[in-house]
Protein backbone atom coordinates (compact mmCIF):
# COMPACT_ATOMS: atom_id res chain seq x y z
CA MET A 1 -3.87 154.43 -74.77
CA LYS A 2 -1.97 157.20 -75.33
CA GLU A 3 -2.71 160.03 -77.29
CA LYS A 4 -0.18 159.61 -80.26
CA ASP A 5 -0.71 155.78 -80.05
CA GLU A 6 -4.06 156.78 -80.93
CA LYS A 7 -3.12 158.97 -83.54
CA ILE A 8 -0.60 156.37 -85.36
CA LEU A 9 -3.77 154.02 -85.35
CA ILE A 10 -5.79 156.57 -86.89
CA LEU A 11 -3.31 157.53 -89.46
CA LEU A 12 -2.49 153.86 -90.34
CA GLN A 13 -6.42 152.71 -90.70
CA LYS A 14 -6.92 156.17 -93.33
CA ASN A 15 -3.61 154.66 -95.15
CA SER A 16 -2.08 151.70 -94.10
CA ARG A 17 0.39 152.22 -96.98
CA ILE A 18 1.52 156.00 -95.10
CA SER A 19 5.25 155.91 -94.84
CA LEU A 20 6.86 155.66 -91.41
CA LYS A 21 8.44 159.11 -92.20
CA GLU A 22 4.74 160.66 -92.70
CA ILE A 23 3.32 159.43 -89.89
CA ALA A 24 6.95 160.79 -87.49
CA LYS A 25 6.32 164.34 -89.59
CA LYS A 26 2.96 164.52 -88.50
CA LEU A 27 3.02 163.79 -85.24
CA GLY A 28 6.11 165.25 -84.61
CA MET A 29 8.31 162.27 -83.32
CA PRO A 30 11.02 160.17 -84.22
CA ILE A 31 11.07 157.76 -87.35
CA SER A 32 12.44 155.27 -84.53
CA THR A 33 9.59 155.60 -81.85
CA VAL A 34 6.89 155.28 -84.63
CA PHE A 35 8.34 152.10 -85.78
CA THR A 36 8.62 151.21 -82.23
CA LYS A 37 5.09 151.67 -81.26
CA ILE A 38 3.76 150.29 -84.25
CA LYS A 39 6.05 146.31 -84.21
CA LYS A 40 4.74 146.59 -80.76
CA PHE A 41 0.97 146.96 -82.02
CA GLU A 42 1.88 144.10 -84.49
CA GLU A 43 3.05 142.10 -81.72
CA GLU A 44 0.16 142.76 -79.18
CA GLY A 45 -2.34 141.69 -82.38
CA LEU A 46 -3.97 145.13 -82.22
CA ILE A 47 -3.12 145.72 -85.49
CA LYS A 48 -4.46 142.33 -87.35
CA LYS A 49 -3.64 143.10 -90.64
CA TYR A 50 -2.99 145.79 -93.95
CA SER A 51 -5.39 145.71 -96.15
CA LEU A 52 -7.08 147.93 -99.13
CA GLU A 53 -10.72 148.83 -99.96
CA LEU A 54 -11.58 147.98 -103.56
CA ASP A 55 -14.52 149.94 -105.26
CA GLU A 56 -16.91 147.08 -105.65
CA LYS A 57 -19.23 149.04 -108.18
CA LYS A 58 -16.21 149.22 -110.71
CA LEU A 59 -15.69 145.66 -110.07
CA GLY A 60 -19.31 145.25 -111.23
CA TYR A 61 -21.18 144.78 -108.06
CA THR A 62 -23.62 147.33 -108.16
CA VAL A 63 -25.99 145.53 -105.42
CA LYS A 64 -25.39 145.72 -101.58
CA ALA A 65 -27.69 144.21 -99.03
CA PHE A 66 -28.21 142.83 -95.64
CA VAL A 67 -29.61 140.11 -95.17
CA LEU A 68 -31.29 138.85 -91.81
CA VAL A 69 -31.23 135.39 -91.18
CA THR A 70 -33.09 133.49 -88.31
CA TYR A 71 -31.53 130.10 -87.07
CA LYS A 72 -33.26 126.63 -87.16
CA SER A 73 -32.17 124.48 -84.45
CA ASN A 74 -30.40 121.18 -85.67
CA SER A 75 -27.41 119.10 -85.67
CA LYS A 76 -25.11 122.37 -86.10
CA SER A 77 -24.88 125.24 -83.66
CA GLN A 78 -25.81 129.12 -84.69
CA GLU A 79 -21.74 129.57 -85.06
CA GLU A 80 -21.44 126.75 -86.98
CA VAL A 81 -24.34 127.45 -89.23
CA ALA A 82 -22.74 131.76 -89.09
CA LYS A 83 -18.86 130.06 -90.05
CA GLU A 84 -21.05 128.20 -92.99
CA ILE A 85 -22.62 131.34 -94.61
CA SER A 86 -19.17 132.89 -94.10
CA LYS A 87 -17.51 130.90 -96.18
CA LEU A 88 -19.99 131.26 -99.31
CA PRO A 89 -19.12 133.91 -102.19
CA PHE A 90 -20.24 137.45 -102.52
CA VAL A 91 -20.30 137.63 -98.54
CA GLU A 92 -18.30 140.51 -97.16
CA ARG A 93 -19.14 140.30 -92.91
CA VAL A 94 -21.10 137.81 -90.57
CA TYR A 95 -22.42 138.82 -87.21
CA ILE A 96 -24.30 136.73 -84.45
CA ILE A 97 -26.80 138.97 -83.33
CA ALA A 98 -29.78 139.48 -80.44
CA GLY A 99 -33.22 140.35 -80.73
CA GLN A 100 -36.42 139.03 -84.19
CA TRP A 101 -32.91 137.33 -85.91
CA ASP A 102 -30.26 135.56 -85.29
CA ILE A 103 -27.37 136.32 -88.04
CA LEU A 104 -26.99 139.25 -90.10
CA VAL A 105 -25.05 138.69 -93.09
CA GLU A 106 -23.78 141.36 -95.26
CA ALA A 107 -23.65 140.22 -99.43
CA ILE A 108 -22.70 141.41 -102.51
CA GLY A 109 -24.21 141.22 -106.32
CA LYS A 110 -23.70 142.08 -109.85
CA ASP A 111 -27.55 143.41 -109.55
CA VAL A 112 -30.82 142.39 -107.53
CA GLU A 113 -31.64 138.92 -110.04
CA ASP A 114 -28.07 138.06 -108.89
CA LEU A 115 -28.17 138.44 -105.36
CA GLY A 116 -31.51 136.89 -105.46
CA LYS A 117 -30.20 133.65 -107.34
CA TRP A 118 -27.67 133.72 -104.42
CA ILE A 119 -29.61 133.65 -101.28
CA THR A 120 -32.22 131.43 -102.94
CA GLU A 121 -29.46 128.68 -104.04
CA LYS A 122 -26.69 129.25 -101.45
CA LEU A 123 -28.26 130.55 -98.71
CA ARG A 124 -31.18 129.58 -98.16
CA GLU A 125 -29.63 126.03 -99.19
CA ILE A 126 -27.69 125.66 -95.51
CA GLU A 127 -29.09 123.31 -93.47
CA GLY A 128 -29.95 125.91 -90.38
CA VAL A 129 -31.09 128.67 -91.93
CA ASP A 130 -34.64 128.83 -91.34
CA LYS A 131 -36.21 132.23 -93.14
CA THR A 132 -34.52 135.31 -94.31
CA GLN A 133 -35.46 138.65 -95.26
CA THR A 134 -33.25 140.59 -97.49
CA LEU A 135 -32.63 144.78 -96.77
CA ILE A 136 -31.16 146.06 -100.18
CA VAL A 137 -28.93 149.26 -99.50
CA LEU A 138 -30.43 152.21 -101.57
CA LYS A 139 -27.48 154.76 -101.28
CA LYS A 140 -24.27 154.41 -98.85
CA ILE A 141 -23.82 157.41 -96.33
CA LYS A 142 -20.87 156.54 -94.44
CA GLU A 143 -18.56 153.85 -94.24
CA SER A 144 -15.95 154.10 -91.79
CA TYR A 145 -13.72 152.17 -89.01
CA VAL A 146 -11.39 154.79 -88.15
CA LEU A 147 -10.75 154.84 -84.37
CA SER A 148 -11.60 158.31 -83.08
CA SER A 149 -12.32 158.06 -79.31
CA LYS A 150 -12.53 161.98 -79.17
CA GLY A 151 -14.76 162.05 -82.66
CA VAL A 152 -13.19 164.97 -83.98
CA ASP A 153 -11.02 163.80 -87.04
CA VAL A 154 -7.47 166.05 -86.44
CA PHE A 155 -6.12 164.41 -90.29
CA ASN A 156 -8.70 165.71 -92.82
């Protein structure tokens, strides 16, 4: 990937509402070139969607947890179980993983009691969910998905 292309993607990741004019100015490129490159990224599926980040705590969700799940073989495949979990409310991400556990679920709750109720009444009731272990997040240090192959952020 060309460096300018990567920089366009980094700027869009940091702020998907940034204007073409601002990107062009920061990178010293014509607006038409920036527009063409972004359209190409969209058509190729490199840019899947534009989204925003909500403040979960301000919405009343004060607890975040990672729930490890073991899969119990039955009529459903592991992927089917993971997809069913992904449809539950309060689930942010679901991964099929390797190791002692089979599925990793990132979920939020209004408080620990709310999260516990969700685990016992929703998650554990899914056919194919065997055991769970819940890891409560005490403090978020970094949550960033910004592309940077150089490991250097030049855009502050």
